[in-house]
């Protein structure tokens, strides 16, 4: 997973979410639900670390901007 580089962001409400779940279907469902609520980077790749349980994904979201079905 790409490291998060701290920097000043002029616009409030931008977030990076690291999602960990038991399986790919669960993680993709979470990303899809976030995409409906906020403007996000979309459903991204899911990765698995060898020898570690579960899968992970990263999604970027603008929580002040409505998504497809948002307010």
N, C-alpha and C. Protein backbone atom coordinates (compact mmCIF):
# COMPACT_ATOMS: atom_id res chain seq x y z
N UNK A 1 0.84 -1.16 0.00
CA UNK A 1 0.00 0.00 0.00
C UNK A 1 0.89 1.23 0.00
N UNK A 2 0.49 2.25 -0.75
CA UNK A 2 1.26 3.48 -0.82
C UNK A 2 1.26 4.18 0.54
N UNK A 3 2.40 4.73 0.95
CA UNK A 3 2.41 5.47 2.21
C UNK A 3 1.64 6.78 2.07
N UNK A 4 1.09 7.25 3.17
CA UNK A 4 0.40 8.54 3.18
C UNK A 4 1.46 9.60 3.48
N UNK A 5 1.57 10.58 2.62
CA UNK A 5 2.53 11.66 2.81
C UNK A 5 1.77 12.86 3.36
N UNK A 6 2.17 13.30 4.56
CA UNK A 6 1.50 14.44 5.16
C UNK A 6 1.82 15.70 4.37
N UNK A 7 0.79 16.48 4.10
CA UNK A 7 0.98 17.75 3.42
C UNK A 7 -0.22 18.63 3.72
N UNK A 8 -0.05 19.92 3.51
CA UNK A 8 -1.15 20.84 3.73
C UNK A 8 -2.13 20.72 2.56
N UNK A 9 -3.39 20.57 2.88
CA UNK A 9 -4.43 20.52 1.86
C UNK A 9 -5.31 21.74 2.09
N UNK A 10 -5.43 22.58 1.07
CA UNK A 10 -6.15 23.84 1.21
C UNK A 10 -7.64 23.64 1.44
N UNK A 11 -8.19 22.55 0.97
CA UNK A 11 -9.63 22.32 1.07
C UNK A 11 -9.92 21.35 2.20
N UNK A 12 -10.79 21.72 3.15
CA UNK A 12 -11.15 20.80 4.22
C UNK A 12 -12.02 19.66 3.69
N UNK A 13 -12.00 18.54 4.39
CA UNK A 13 -12.90 17.46 4.04
C UNK A 13 -12.32 16.38 3.15
N UNK A 14 -11.04 16.43 2.83
CA UNK A 14 -10.42 15.37 2.04
C UNK A 14 -9.82 14.34 3.00
N UNK A 15 -10.15 13.07 2.80
CA UNK A 15 -9.67 12.02 3.70
C UNK A 15 -9.14 10.83 2.91
N UNK A 16 -8.26 10.07 3.56
CA UNK A 16 -7.75 8.81 3.04
C UNK A 16 -8.24 7.73 4.00
N UNK A 17 -8.92 6.73 3.46
CA UNK A 17 -9.45 5.65 4.29
C UNK A 17 -8.77 4.34 3.91
N UNK A 18 -8.14 3.69 4.89
CA UNK A 18 -7.59 2.35 4.69
C UNK A 18 -8.61 1.38 5.25
N UNK A 19 -9.08 0.47 4.41
CA UNK A 19 -10.13 -0.46 4.78
C UNK A 19 -9.54 -1.86 4.86
N UNK A 20 -9.82 -2.56 5.95
CA UNK A 20 -9.38 -3.94 6.13
C UNK A 20 -10.61 -4.79 6.39
N UNK A 21 -10.73 -5.90 5.69
CA UNK A 21 -11.87 -6.78 5.87
C UNK A 21 -11.47 -8.24 5.74
N UNK A 22 -12.40 -9.11 6.04
CA UNK A 22 -12.12 -10.55 6.01
C UNK A 22 -11.96 -11.08 4.60
N UNK A 23 -12.69 -10.44 3.62
CA UNK A 23 -12.62 -10.94 2.26
C UNK A 23 -12.84 -9.80 1.27
N UNK A 24 -12.56 -10.06 -0.01
CA UNK A 24 -12.67 -9.03 -1.05
C UNK A 24 -14.10 -8.51 -1.20
N UNK A 25 -15.09 -9.38 -1.12
CA UNK A 25 -16.47 -8.94 -1.28
C UNK A 25 -16.86 -7.92 -0.22
N UNK A 26 -16.43 -8.13 1.01
CA UNK A 26 -16.75 -7.20 2.10
C UNK A 26 -16.09 -5.85 1.86
N UNK A 27 -14.82 -5.86 1.50
CA UNK A 27 -14.09 -4.61 1.28
C UNK A 27 -14.68 -3.85 0.09
N UNK A 28 -15.01 -4.55 -0.98
CA UNK A 28 -15.62 -3.90 -2.14
C UNK A 28 -17.00 -3.32 -1.80
N UNK A 29 -17.76 -4.00 -0.96
CA UNK A 29 -19.07 -3.50 -0.54
C UNK A 29 -18.93 -2.21 0.27
N UNK A 30 -17.92 -2.15 1.12
CA UNK A 30 -17.68 -0.93 1.90
C UNK A 30 -17.30 0.21 0.97
N UNK A 31 -16.41 -0.04 0.01
CA UNK A 31 -16.01 1.02 -0.93
C UNK A 31 -17.21 1.50 -1.75
N UNK A 32 -18.08 0.58 -2.15
CA UNK A 32 -19.27 0.96 -2.92
C UNK A 32 -20.22 1.82 -2.08
N UNK A 33 -20.38 1.48 -0.81
CA UNK A 33 -21.25 2.27 0.07
C UNK A 33 -20.67 3.68 0.28
N UNK A 34 -19.36 3.78 0.44
CA UNK A 34 -18.72 5.09 0.58
C UNK A 34 -18.89 5.92 -0.68
N UNK A 35 -18.79 5.25 -1.83
CA UNK A 35 -18.92 5.94 -3.12
C UNK A 35 -20.33 6.53 -3.30
N UNK A 36 -21.33 5.89 -2.72
CA UNK A 36 -22.69 6.41 -2.81
C UNK A 36 -22.90 7.63 -1.93
N UNK A 37 -22.14 7.71 -0.85
CA UNK A 37 -22.32 8.80 0.12
C UNK A 37 -21.45 10.01 -0.19
N UNK A 38 -20.21 9.79 -0.63
CA UNK A 38 -19.24 10.86 -0.86
C UNK A 38 -18.63 10.74 -2.24
N UNK A 39 -18.01 11.80 -2.70
CA UNK A 39 -17.22 11.75 -3.93
C UNK A 39 -15.91 11.04 -3.58
N UNK A 40 -15.66 9.89 -4.20
CA UNK A 40 -14.47 9.10 -3.86
C UNK A 40 -13.65 8.80 -5.10
N UNK A 41 -12.50 8.18 -4.85
CA UNK A 41 -11.64 7.76 -5.95
C UNK A 41 -12.16 6.50 -6.61
N UNK A 42 -13.29 5.98 -6.14
CA UNK A 42 -13.90 4.80 -6.75
C UNK A 42 -13.45 3.51 -6.10
N UNK A 43 -14.00 2.43 -6.58
CA UNK A 43 -13.65 1.12 -6.05
C UNK A 43 -12.29 0.75 -6.61
N UNK A 44 -11.32 0.69 -5.73
CA UNK A 44 -9.94 0.45 -6.15
C UNK A 44 -9.52 -0.99 -5.96
N UNK A 45 -8.25 -1.25 -6.22
CA UNK A 45 -7.74 -2.60 -6.08
C UNK A 45 -7.71 -3.04 -4.61
N UNK A 46 -7.92 -4.32 -4.41
CA UNK A 46 -7.86 -4.93 -3.09
C UNK A 46 -6.59 -5.75 -3.03
N UNK A 47 -5.87 -5.67 -1.93
CA UNK A 47 -4.61 -6.42 -1.84
C UNK A 47 -4.61 -7.32 -0.61
N UNK A 48 -3.80 -8.34 -0.70
CA UNK A 48 -3.64 -9.31 0.38
C UNK A 48 -2.15 -9.41 0.69
N UNK A 49 -1.79 -9.25 1.97
CA UNK A 49 -0.41 -9.42 2.39
C UNK A 49 -0.18 -10.89 2.70
N UNK A 50 0.84 -11.50 2.08
CA UNK A 50 1.11 -12.92 2.34
C UNK A 50 1.32 -13.19 3.84
N UNK A 51 0.66 -14.20 4.32
CA UNK A 51 0.80 -14.60 5.72
C UNK A 51 -0.07 -13.81 6.69
N UNK A 52 -0.78 -12.79 6.21
CA UNK A 52 -1.65 -11.98 7.06
C UNK A 52 -3.10 -12.29 6.73
N UNK A 53 -3.97 -12.33 7.74
CA UNK A 53 -5.38 -12.58 7.46
C UNK A 53 -6.05 -11.36 6.85
N UNK A 54 -7.06 -11.58 6.04
CA UNK A 54 -7.87 -10.50 5.48
C UNK A 54 -7.26 -9.82 4.27
N UNK A 55 -7.96 -8.81 3.79
CA UNK A 55 -7.53 -8.03 2.63
C UNK A 55 -7.64 -6.55 2.97
N UNK A 56 -6.96 -5.72 2.17
CA UNK A 56 -6.95 -4.29 2.43
C UNK A 56 -7.16 -3.51 1.14
N UNK A 57 -7.67 -2.30 1.29
CA UNK A 57 -7.83 -1.38 0.16
C UNK A 57 -7.72 0.04 0.70
N UNK A 58 -7.43 0.97 -0.19
CA UNK A 58 -7.36 2.38 0.17
C UNK A 58 -8.29 3.15 -0.76
N UNK A 59 -9.02 4.10 -0.18
CA UNK A 59 -9.92 4.93 -0.96
C UNK A 59 -9.76 6.37 -0.49
N UNK A 60 -9.84 7.29 -1.42
CA UNK A 60 -9.74 8.72 -1.13
C UNK A 60 -11.13 9.30 -1.27
N UNK A 61 -11.52 10.17 -0.33
CA UNK A 61 -12.88 10.72 -0.36
C UNK A 61 -12.89 12.20 -0.03
N UNK A 62 -13.77 12.91 -0.71
CA UNK A 62 -14.07 14.30 -0.39
C UNK A 62 -15.38 14.31 0.34
N UNK A 63 -15.35 14.37 1.66
CA UNK A 63 -16.56 14.18 2.46
C UNK A 63 -17.51 15.37 2.40
N UNK A 64 -17.07 16.49 1.84
CA UNK A 64 -17.96 17.65 1.71
C UNK A 64 -18.68 17.67 0.38
N UNK A 65 -18.30 16.78 -0.52
CA UNK A 65 -18.95 16.72 -1.83
C UNK A 65 -19.87 15.52 -1.87
N UNK A 66 -21.11 15.70 -2.28
CA UNK A 66 -22.02 14.55 -2.32
C UNK A 66 -21.61 13.55 -3.40
N UNK A 67 -21.89 12.29 -3.14
CA UNK A 67 -21.65 11.23 -4.12
C UNK A 67 -22.84 11.10 -5.05
N UNK A 68 -22.99 9.95 -5.66
CA UNK A 68 -24.06 9.72 -6.64
C UNK A 68 -25.44 9.90 -6.03
N UNK A 69 -25.64 9.33 -4.83
CA UNK A 69 -26.97 9.38 -4.21
C UNK A 69 -26.98 10.25 -2.97
N UNK A 70 -25.93 11.03 -2.77
CA UNK A 70 -25.81 11.83 -1.55
C UNK A 70 -26.71 13.05 -1.57
N UNK A 71 -26.65 13.82 -0.48
CA UNK A 71 -27.50 15.00 -0.33
C UNK A 71 -27.19 16.08 -1.33
